[in-house]
Protein backbone atom coordinates (compact mmCIF):
# COMPACT_ATOMS: atom_id res chain seq x y z
CA MET A 1 -0.11 -0.10 0.09
CA ASN A 2 1.51 3.20 -1.01
CA GLY A 3 2.23 6.05 1.68
CA ARG A 4 -1.46 7.68 0.06
CA TYR A 5 -2.55 5.88 3.99
CA ASP A 6 0.31 6.60 6.25
CA PHE A 7 -1.32 9.17 7.98
CA PHE A 8 -4.56 6.57 8.40
CA TRP A 9 -2.23 3.72 9.27
CA ASN A 10 0.47 5.64 11.66
CA THR A 11 -2.91 7.51 13.90
CA MET A 12 -4.50 3.87 13.94
CA GLU A 13 -0.94 2.32 16.28
CA LEU A 14 -2.58 4.65 18.61
CA CYS A 15 -4.67 2.07 19.62
CA ASN A 16 -4.80 1.19 23.28
CA TRP A 17 -4.78 -2.75 23.32
CA ASP A 18 -4.74 -2.76 26.50
CA LYS A 19 -8.35 -1.83 26.24
CA ALA A 20 -9.00 -4.91 23.82
CA GLY A 21 -12.35 -6.15 24.53
CA ASN A 22 -13.89 -2.52 25.10
CA ASP A 23 -14.09 -0.75 21.31
CA ASP A 24 -14.28 2.81 22.29
CA LYS A 25 -10.98 2.28 25.27
CA VAL A 26 -8.88 1.04 22.20
CA LEU A 27 -9.66 3.73 20.04
CA LYS A 28 -9.91 6.50 23.01
CA PRO A 29 -6.21 7.68 22.22
CA VAL A 30 -6.97 7.84 18.35
CA LEU A 31 -10.11 10.35 19.00
CA GLN A 32 -8.10 12.04 21.34
CA TYR A 33 -5.17 12.81 18.82
CA LEU A 34 -7.37 13.46 16.73
CA SER A 35 -9.54 16.47 18.75
CA GLN A 36 -6.21 17.90 19.15
CA GLN A 37 -5.75 18.36 15.04
CA ASP A 38 -6.90 20.91 12.78
CA ASP A 39 -10.38 20.30 10.86
CA ALA A 40 -8.37 19.76 7.81
CA ALA A 41 -6.87 16.85 8.91
CA ILE A 42 -9.84 15.67 10.86
CA PHE A 43 -11.23 15.10 7.19
CA GLU A 44 -8.50 13.53 5.85
CA PHE A 45 -8.23 10.76 8.55
CA ASP A 46 -11.96 10.63 8.04
CA ASP A 47 -11.73 10.13 3.64
CA LEU A 48 -9.05 7.98 3.98
CA MET A 49 -10.88 5.91 6.51
CA SER A 50 -13.45 6.08 4.32
CA GLU A 51 -12.13 5.11 1.16
CA LEU A 52 -10.13 2.05 2.80
CA LEU A 53 -13.66 0.69 3.99
CA TYR A 54 -15.35 1.28 0.44
CA GLY A 55 -11.79 -0.45 -0.69
CA LEU A 56 -13.27 -3.68 1.59
CA ASP A 57 -17.27 -2.78 0.02
CA THR A 58 -16.98 -5.50 -2.77
CA LYS A 59 -19.82 -8.44 -3.84
CA LYS A 60 -16.95 -11.00 -3.65
CA LEU A 61 -15.92 -10.01 0.18
CA ALA A 62 -19.66 -9.82 1.21
CA GLY A 63 -20.08 -12.83 -0.23
CA GLN A 64 -17.00 -15.00 2.22
CA CYS A 65 -18.69 -12.44 4.80
CA ARG A 66 -22.36 -14.17 3.88
CA LYS A 67 -20.60 -17.62 3.93
CA VAL A 68 -20.05 -17.39 7.47
CA ASP A 69 -23.13 -14.98 8.75
CA PRO A 70 -25.41 -16.13 6.38
CA LYS A 71 -28.36 -13.50 8.64
CA MET A 72 -25.49 -11.02 7.88
CA CYS A 73 -26.41 -7.33 8.12
CA ASP A 74 -25.04 -4.55 6.64
CA ASP A 75 -23.94 -3.48 9.91
CA THR A 76 -22.30 -6.87 10.09
CA PHE A 77 -20.23 -6.72 7.24
CA LEU A 78 -19.51 -3.01 8.04
CA TYR A 79 -17.71 -4.20 11.27
CA SER A 80 -15.68 -6.82 9.97
CA ARG A 81 -14.87 -4.54 7.19
CA CYS A 82 -13.52 -2.31 10.43
CA ALA A 83 -11.65 -5.10 11.61
CA ALA A 84 -9.83 -5.20 8.81
CA LEU A 85 -8.64 -2.27 9.29
CA ILE A 86 -7.60 -2.16 12.91
CA ASN A 87 -5.74 -4.96 12.21
CA GLY A 88 -2.91 -3.11 10.23
CA PRO A 89 -2.23 -2.42 6.27
CA ALA A 90 -0.68 -6.01 6.35
CA TYR A 91 -3.48 -7.60 7.51
CA TYR A 92 -6.18 -5.49 5.55
CA GLU A 93 -4.29 -6.14 2.00
CA LYS A 94 -5.06 -9.84 2.81
CA VAL A 95 -8.67 -8.98 3.44
CA LYS A 96 -9.01 -7.13 0.37
CA GLN A 97 -7.13 -9.90 -1.90
CA GLY A 98 -9.97 -12.44 -0.64
CA LYS A 99 -7.43 -14.44 1.66
CA GLU A 100 -7.81 -13.57 4.92
CA LYS A 101 -11.49 -14.96 5.83
CA ASN A 102 -11.54 -14.87 9.76
CA VAL A 103 -12.24 -11.01 9.30
CA TRP A 104 -15.39 -11.83 9.09
CA THR A 105 -15.82 -13.52 12.57
CA MET A 106 -14.44 -10.64 14.00
CA GLU A 107 -16.04 -7.22 14.73
CA PHE A 108 -14.58 -3.68 15.64
CA ALA A 109 -16.87 -0.43 16.17
CA LEU A 110 -14.76 1.62 14.01
CA ARG A 111 -17.28 4.22 13.06
CA PRO A 112 -17.02 5.52 9.36
CA HIS A 113 -16.48 9.23 10.82
CA ALA A 114 -14.99 8.18 14.33
CA GLY A 115 -12.83 11.81 13.68
CA LEU A 116 -16.09 13.37 13.65
CA GLY A 117 -17.67 11.90 16.31
CA ALA A 118 -20.69 10.46 14.23
CA GLU A 119 -22.35 7.36 15.55
CA THR A 120 -23.10 4.50 13.30
CA PRO A 121 -26.53 2.32 14.38
CA ARG A 122 -26.32 -1.47 14.95
CA CYS A 123 -28.49 -3.56 13.12
CA GLY A 124 -31.40 -4.37 15.23
């Protein structure tokens, strides 16, 4: 992956994995860092995250997810793609290539627009 996404990946390295199991606490240092940045940096982070998530939004990958979870909803697919992001660029690339099917058993609430504080509703 080229350097275009370095700002996103470097920011995500701030995650506090000592708090694994509580997505909000894992992300707290990321959000604290972003809250100290100017609007341009926050929007850049948000745009990069959206682009990366969109890169995993394919029929092939949705099919892999549906095989693992036949009752998947849009949020299930979203939170599994977020798990691909939270696990770093190498893992992300494996998922994107369809080589890491374990991701569809994982979820992480890395909400789109996290840098802006927006919430994504869970499926009911």
